[in-house]
């Protein structure tokens, strides 16, 4: 099978992740990258002191929020609705996804990128961003899937999700 890159985009709660996981199971050479997983990793730091990071207590005194522990121990996370996150972490997430996807395409794999991507493809200023993303994959086959739901179903799913995970 010729490797291809598959973008799955859409607003939250439209089934992007479910669709992406279903496609990944059906394509033997596929691998899935979900934006939320990368966001989580890029938006947290370990509460240690080294030459580049202030001590954990200084982070907590500024704009960071301690969220407790994960499988590796204590973690400090950047709030998603904070300006720094929007300007840096979100954009870096897309860069990581694109770089990893490109490298794996070159190795014969078919990356599936699950992400909102709606801003990149719908804002007037984002048209050049979308074209730039598209062009970075050269002659590789590209598939774009937009997940969509009618407004009433979307609203219902968003309410259900907020009851389970308010962030």
Foldseek 3Di string as FASTA:
>chain_A
DQAAEEEEAEDPPLCLVVVLVVVQVVDVQEDEDELVVQLFVLFKDDQDDDPPDDHPVVQCVPQWAWDFADPVGTMIGHDCVDPCCVVPSSVVSVVVLLVVQLVSSVVRGHYYYYDHCCCLVPDPVNVVVVVVSVCSNPPHHYHYHYRDDPPVSSVVSVVVVCVVPVD
